[in-house]
Protein backbone atom coordinates (compact mmCIF):
# COMPACT_ATOMS: atom_id res chain seq x y z
CA MET A 1 -0.01 0.00 0.02
CA THR A 2 1.42 3.36 -1.07
CA ARG A 3 -1.52 5.74 -0.64
CA ASN A 4 -4.73 5.87 1.33
CA LEU A 5 -7.43 7.52 -0.81
CA ASN A 6 -11.00 8.40 0.05
CA LEU A 7 -12.68 8.10 -3.38
CA GLY A 8 -16.19 8.86 -4.56
CA PRO A 9 -17.97 6.62 -7.05
CA GLU A 10 -16.70 8.40 -10.21
CA GLU A 11 -13.11 8.59 -8.94
CA ALA A 12 -13.20 4.96 -7.88
CA LEU A 13 -14.34 4.07 -11.43
CA ARG A 14 -11.58 6.15 -12.95
CA TYR A 15 -8.91 4.46 -10.79
CA HIS A 16 -10.40 0.99 -11.60
CA VAL A 17 -11.25 0.36 -7.96
CA ILE A 18 -14.78 -0.50 -9.21
CA GLU A 19 -16.07 -1.40 -12.63
CA ILE A 20 -19.69 -0.18 -12.66
CA VAL A 21 -21.59 2.77 -11.20
CA ALA A 22 -25.39 2.35 -11.01
CA ASP A 23 -28.26 4.24 -9.27
CA ASP A 24 -30.31 1.15 -8.38
CA VAL A 25 -30.41 -2.61 -8.68
CA ASN A 26 -32.20 -2.63 -12.05
CA SER A 27 -29.61 -0.29 -13.53
CA LEU A 28 -26.80 -2.40 -12.16
CA LEU A 29 -28.29 -5.59 -13.67
CA LYS A 30 -28.70 -3.88 -17.02
CA ARG A 31 -25.11 -2.69 -17.02
CA LEU A 32 -23.89 -6.09 -15.81
CA SER A 33 -25.72 -7.86 -18.71
CA GLU A 34 -23.31 -6.03 -21.07
CA MET A 35 -20.24 -7.30 -19.19
CA ALA A 36 -18.31 -10.55 -18.86
CA LEU A 37 -16.19 -11.90 -16.02
CA ILE A 38 -12.93 -13.48 -17.17
CA ARG A 39 -10.07 -15.17 -15.41
CA MET A 40 -6.64 -14.45 -16.84
CA THR A 41 -2.97 -14.65 -15.95
CA SER A 42 -1.45 -11.32 -14.86
CA GLU A 43 2.04 -10.12 -15.74
CA ALA A 44 3.25 -11.47 -12.36
CA GLY A 45 1.98 -14.91 -13.28
CA THR A 46 -0.93 -14.97 -10.86
CA SER A 47 -4.51 -15.75 -11.71
CA VAL A 48 -6.80 -12.69 -11.56
CA TRP A 49 -10.42 -11.96 -12.35
CA ARG A 50 -11.52 -8.94 -14.42
CA LEU A 51 -14.91 -7.59 -15.40
CA VAL A 52 -14.75 -6.34 -19.03
CA PRO A 53 -17.28 -5.35 -21.67
CA ARG A 54 -18.68 -8.45 -23.39
CA ASP A 55 -17.68 -7.28 -26.92
CA GLU A 56 -14.03 -6.96 -25.76
CA VAL A 57 -13.65 -10.49 -24.45
CA GLY A 58 -11.84 -11.55 -27.63
CA HIS A 59 -9.09 -9.04 -26.90
CA TYR A 60 -7.95 -10.99 -23.84
CA ASN A 61 -6.14 -14.29 -23.47
CA TYR A 62 -8.48 -15.62 -20.81
CA LEU A 63 -8.67 -18.96 -19.01
CA GLU A 64 -12.37 -18.82 -18.03
CA VAL A 65 -15.26 -16.54 -18.98
CA TYR A 66 -18.73 -15.95 -17.48
CA THR A 67 -21.37 -13.83 -19.14
CA PHE A 68 -24.49 -12.25 -17.70
CA GLU A 69 -26.80 -12.13 -20.70
CA ASP A 70 -30.02 -13.09 -18.94
CA ILE A 71 -29.29 -11.56 -15.55
CA THR A 72 -31.96 -8.82 -16.02
CA GLU A 73 -34.64 -11.52 -16.01
CA SER A 74 -33.43 -13.00 -12.69
CA GLU A 75 -35.53 -12.71 -9.59
CA VAL A 76 -34.39 -10.07 -7.12
CA ILE A 77 -34.60 -11.30 -3.53
CA ASP A 78 -34.31 -8.64 -0.84
CA TYR A 79 -32.20 -9.63 2.11
CA THR A 80 -33.43 -8.52 5.52
CA PRO A 81 -30.88 -8.87 8.39
CA GLY A 82 -32.11 -10.99 11.28
CA LEU A 83 -32.39 -10.03 14.89
CA ARG A 84 -28.80 -11.08 15.60
CA ILE A 85 -27.41 -8.62 13.00
CA ALA A 86 -29.69 -5.81 14.23
CA LEU A 87 -28.68 -6.47 17.84
CA LEU A 88 -24.98 -6.46 16.93
CA GLN A 89 -25.39 -3.18 14.97
CA VAL A 90 -26.81 -1.54 18.10
CA LEU A 91 -24.20 -3.02 20.45
CA PHE A 92 -21.18 -2.10 18.29
CA ASN A 93 -22.35 1.52 17.90
CA PRO A 94 -19.52 3.62 19.45
CA MET A 95 -21.96 5.82 21.37
CA VAL A 96 -23.82 2.81 22.74
CA SER A 97 -20.48 1.21 23.74
CA MET A 98 -19.46 4.22 25.83
CA LEU A 99 -22.93 4.57 27.42
CA MET A 100 -22.90 0.88 28.43
CA LEU A 101 -19.39 1.23 29.87
CA THR A 102 -20.34 4.36 31.87
CA PHE A 103 -23.69 3.16 33.11
CA GLY A 104 -22.23 -0.29 33.79
CA PHE A 105 -19.70 1.18 36.26
CA LEU A 106 -22.32 3.39 37.90
CA PHE A 107 -24.82 0.54 38.32
CA LEU A 108 -22.09 -1.76 39.67
CA LEU A 109 -20.90 0.82 42.21
CA PHE A 110 -24.48 1.59 43.32
CA GLY A 111 -25.19 -2.18 43.64
CA LEU A 112 -22.02 -2.67 45.79
CA GLN A 113 -23.04 0.25 48.01
CA SER A 114 -26.72 -0.77 48.25
CA PRO A 115 -27.05 -4.51 47.53
CA GLY A 116 -30.40 -6.14 47.09
CA TYR A 117 -31.86 -3.99 44.30
CA GLY A 118 -30.27 -5.89 41.37
CA SER A 119 -28.11 -2.89 40.28
CA GLU A 120 -24.91 -5.02 40.54
CA ILE A 121 -26.38 -7.52 38.06
CA ILE A 122 -27.37 -4.81 35.59
CA GLY A 123 -23.87 -3.18 35.93
CA LEU A 124 -22.07 -6.49 35.38
CA LEU A 125 -24.21 -7.26 32.27
CA LEU A 126 -23.61 -3.77 30.82
CA LEU A 127 -19.86 -4.09 31.42
CA ILE A 128 -19.74 -7.47 29.65
CA LEU A 129 -21.53 -6.08 26.63
CA ALA A 130 -19.35 -2.94 26.63
CA LEU A 131 -16.16 -4.98 26.64
CA MET A 132 -17.48 -6.98 23.69
CA SER A 133 -18.56 -3.83 21.86
CA LEU A 134 -15.13 -2.22 22.41
CA GLN A 135 -13.56 -5.51 21.17
CA VAL A 136 -11.66 -6.06 24.42
CA ILE A 137 -13.15 -9.55 24.37
CA GLY A 138 -14.62 -11.36 21.36
CA ILE A 139 -18.22 -12.37 20.75
CA GLU A 140 -17.63 -16.01 21.69
CA PRO A 141 -16.17 -15.25 25.19
CA THR A 142 -19.05 -12.81 25.68
CA ILE A 143 -21.59 -15.48 24.86
CA ALA A 144 -19.82 -17.88 27.29
CA LEU A 145 -19.90 -15.24 30.05
CA LEU A 146 -23.63 -14.53 29.39
CA PHE A 147 -24.57 -18.21 29.59
CA THR A 148 -22.43 -18.73 32.65
CA LEU A 149 -23.91 -15.66 34.38
CA GLY A 150 -27.46 -16.73 33.30
CA PHE A 151 -27.13 -20.27 34.72
CA ALA A 152 -25.49 -18.98 37.93
CA LEU A 153 -28.29 -16.57 38.50
CA THR A 154 -30.87 -19.28 37.86
CA VAL A 155 -29.23 -21.61 40.42
CA ALA A 156 -29.12 -18.70 42.87
CA GLU A 157 -32.81 -18.13 42.27
CA LEU A 158 -33.63 -21.76 43.07
CA LYS A 159 -31.81 -21.29 46.39
CA THR A 160 -33.13 -17.84 47.38
CA HIS A 161 -36.61 -17.67 45.71
CA ILE A 162 -36.24 -13.91 45.18
CA GLY A 163 -37.58 -13.84 41.65
CA LEU A 164 -35.34 -11.03 40.34
CA LEU A 165 -32.35 -13.35 40.04
CA GLY A 166 -34.35 -15.80 37.86
CA VAL A 167 -35.54 -12.98 35.50
CA ALA A 168 -31.97 -11.68 35.16
CA GLY A 169 -30.67 -15.17 34.50
CA ALA A 170 -33.33 -15.85 31.86
CA PHE A 171 -32.55 -12.51 30.16
CA CYS A 172 -28.82 -13.36 30.02
CA ILE A 173 -29.60 -16.72 28.38
CA ILE A 174 -31.94 -15.10 25.88
CA LEU A 175 -29.38 -12.47 24.99
CA GLY A 176 -26.64 -15.13 24.59
CA SER A 177 -28.98 -17.13 22.33
CA PHE A 178 -29.42 -14.21 19.98
CA LEU A 179 -25.67 -13.73 19.77
CA LEU A 180 -24.91 -17.45 19.40
CA PHE A 181 -27.32 -18.75 16.73
CA PRO A 182 -26.86 -18.77 13.79
CA SER A 183 -23.04 -18.65 13.88
CA PRO A 184 -20.88 -19.03 10.75
CA GLN A 185 -18.43 -21.05 12.76
CA TRP A 186 -20.94 -23.85 13.36
CA LEU A 187 -21.10 -26.41 10.56
CA LEU A 188 -24.90 -26.76 10.84
CA ALA A 189 -27.67 -26.41 8.26
CA PRO A 190 -29.52 -23.10 8.59
CA GLU A 191 -32.80 -24.83 9.52
CA ILE A 192 -31.07 -26.82 12.29
CA SER A 193 -29.48 -23.60 13.66
CA MET A 194 -32.78 -21.83 13.68
CA ARG A 195 -34.43 -24.87 15.39
CA ILE A 196 -31.87 -24.91 18.15
CA ARG A 197 -32.13 -21.15 18.65
CA ASN A 198 -35.90 -21.16 18.69
CA THR A 199 -35.97 -24.05 21.20
CA LEU A 200 -33.50 -22.31 23.44
CA LEU A 201 -35.39 -19.02 23.16
CA GLY A 202 -38.68 -20.69 23.94
CA VAL A 203 -37.35 -22.31 27.08
CA SER A 204 -35.70 -19.05 28.17
CA ILE A 205 -38.80 -16.96 27.52
CA ALA A 206 -40.95 -19.48 29.41
CA ALA A 207 -38.50 -19.29 32.36
CA PHE A 208 -38.52 -15.50 32.09
CA GLY A 209 -42.27 -15.43 32.33
CA ALA A 210 -42.38 -17.91 35.21
CA PHE A 211 -39.85 -15.90 37.21
CA ALA A 212 -41.64 -12.61 36.39
CA PHE A 213 -44.88 -14.11 37.72
CA LEU A 214 -43.05 -15.26 40.80
CA ILE A 215 -41.73 -11.70 41.39
CA TYR A 216 -45.31 -10.36 40.99
CA LYS A 217 -46.68 -12.81 43.56
CA VAL A 218 -43.85 -12.14 45.98
CA ALA A 219 -44.39 -8.38 45.70
CA GLN A 220 -48.14 -8.87 46.06
CA THR A 221 -47.54 -10.92 49.28
CA GLN A 222 -45.19 -8.35 50.64
CA ARG A 223 -47.76 -5.63 50.09
CA MET A 224 -50.35 -7.57 52.11
CA ARG A 225 -50.66 -6.51 55.71
CA VAL A 226 -49.51 -9.23 58.03
CA LYS A 227 -52.26 -10.05 60.44
CA THR A 228 -51.41 -11.67 63.78
CA GLY A 229 -53.05 -11.85 67.19
CA PHE A 230 -56.13 -9.66 67.48
CA GLU A 231 -55.97 -8.37 63.90
CA ALA A 232 -56.55 -11.90 62.73
CA LEU A 233 -59.58 -12.29 65.06
CA GLU A 234 -61.47 -9.10 64.36
CA GLY A 235 -64.75 -10.02 62.75
CA CYS A 236 -64.39 -13.69 63.61
CA ARG A 237 -67.20 -15.57 65.33
CA GLY A 238 -66.84 -17.61 68.47
CA VAL A 239 -68.74 -19.06 71.47
CA ALA A 240 -69.12 -17.70 75.02
CA VAL A 241 -67.51 -20.26 77.27
CA THR A 242 -68.80 -18.54 80.44
CA PRO A 243 -71.51 -16.00 80.93
CA LEU A 244 -70.32 -12.46 80.11
CA LYS A 245 -71.69 -10.14 82.88
CA PRO A 246 -70.10 -8.24 81.22
CA TYR A 247 -66.74 -10.09 81.62
CA GLY A 248 -66.12 -13.70 80.89
CA GLU A 249 -64.27 -16.07 78.54
CA VAL A 250 -64.87 -16.81 74.89
CA ARG A 251 -63.44 -19.30 72.42
CA VAL A 252 -62.47 -17.87 69.06
CA GLU A 253 -60.59 -19.83 66.35
CA GLY A 254 -59.92 -22.60 68.83
CA GLU A 255 -58.29 -20.19 71.37
CA PHE A 256 -59.64 -18.99 74.72
CA TRP A 257 -59.69 -15.20 75.32
CA ARG A 258 -60.83 -12.93 78.12
CA ALA A 259 -63.72 -10.92 76.75
CA ARG A 260 -66.25 -8.13 77.63
CA ALA A 261 -69.70 -7.80 76.29
CA GLU A 262 -70.15 -4.63 74.30
CA GLU A 263 -73.66 -4.12 75.67
CA GLY A 264 -75.59 -5.93 78.35
CA GLU A 265 -74.90 -9.55 79.19
CA ILE A 266 -74.27 -12.65 77.05
CA GLU A 267 -75.33 -16.12 78.14
CA GLU A 268 -73.04 -19.10 78.21
CA GLY A 269 -72.99 -21.00 74.88
CA SER A 270 -74.17 -18.00 72.87
CA GLU A 271 -72.58 -17.34 69.56
CA ILE A 272 -70.53 -14.05 69.53
CA ILE A 273 -68.51 -11.93 67.11
CA VAL A 274 -65.40 -9.98 67.91
CA VAL A 275 -65.82 -6.20 67.31
CA GLY A 276 -62.89 -4.65 69.19
CA ARG A 277 -60.28 -5.02 71.89
CA GLU A 278 -58.81 -3.33 74.93
CA GLY A 279 -55.25 -4.54 75.27
CA LEU A 280 -55.57 -8.37 75.49
CA LEU A 281 -59.30 -8.13 76.25
CA LEU A 282 -61.68 -8.82 73.36
CA ILE A 283 -64.86 -6.74 72.91
CA VAL A 284 -67.67 -8.98 71.68
CA ARG A 285 -71.36 -8.87 71.07
CA PRO A 286 -73.99 -11.51 70.30
CA PHE A 287 -73.91 -12.71 66.69
CA LYS A 288 -77.24 -12.46 64.96
CA SER A 289 -77.74 -14.10 61.62
CA SER A 290 -79.63 -12.26 58.83
CA GLY A 291 -82.70 -14.43 59.45
CA ASP A 292 -82.97 -13.49 63.12
C-alpha cells in the first residue's frame, strides 16, 4: 500500500477500484448484462479476475469466462438482516459502547453500596456487553460469560426464591442465544441452527415469564398486611364459654380469650362476634344471623 485515498464513485471508477456505477439494482443488472467476467494470468503470473465489456472479451487471453446475458430476467430477492445482526449493529455503535461502559460502572458501584436491588447484576451485564462492543473480548467469550452468568443466577434463584435473580438469568440466556445462533463457525444447516435457537429461546422466555410471575406474587404478598393476634380475630365468630356479665371467657378460632360484652350480658354457649379489643381483652357482642 502506497496511498490511502478516500474516493467517490466516479473517482473509484476512474482508478479501476470499481467497474460499474449504478443508481439502483435494475440499472446495475442492465449494465452487468453487457459485461463478462474473465479469469486471466497477470504479468506477475498470478490468476486474476476482471470484469470487461462483453464485446471486448476476444481481446484478452482468458482462462475462463462468464457472461451475464439473462441476468436482467433474474428474480431479485431482498435480504433482511435478522435479529442477531440488528442487535450487533446496536451493540457495536460507538456511542452505545461508551454509554454501556459508563452506566455499567455506575450501576455496579451503586449495587455494591446498596445491595439487594439488582443494580450490581445490571452493571455487570452492561460491562460485559461494553467490553465486547469495544472488542476487548470477542463475541464467543461474551456468549460464554452470558450463559455462565445466566445459569449461575438461575441456580441462585432456586436457592433464594427472590424472583429477580431468575428474571436476570433468563434474560442473560436469551441475549446469549441471540448472539450465538446462527453462527458461521458452526457447521450446521440453517434450519437446524434456527431450530436450536428457537428451542433455546422458547425455554428461556418461558423461564423468564415464570420468574416474572413469581416476582409479581412475592411483591403482592409483601404488600399484604401481616395479620397476627387480634388483627386476625377481628370479625371472627366464636362461642361464649362462660356467661359475660359483662366479663367472661370466649373461644375464638380454637383459642380462649378474656372478653367483655359490648352491651348488656351474654349467656353461656351463645354465639358471639369480635368487634374490638382493649389490650388483650376482646370486645364482643352476640352474633345475629340475617334471618334473626
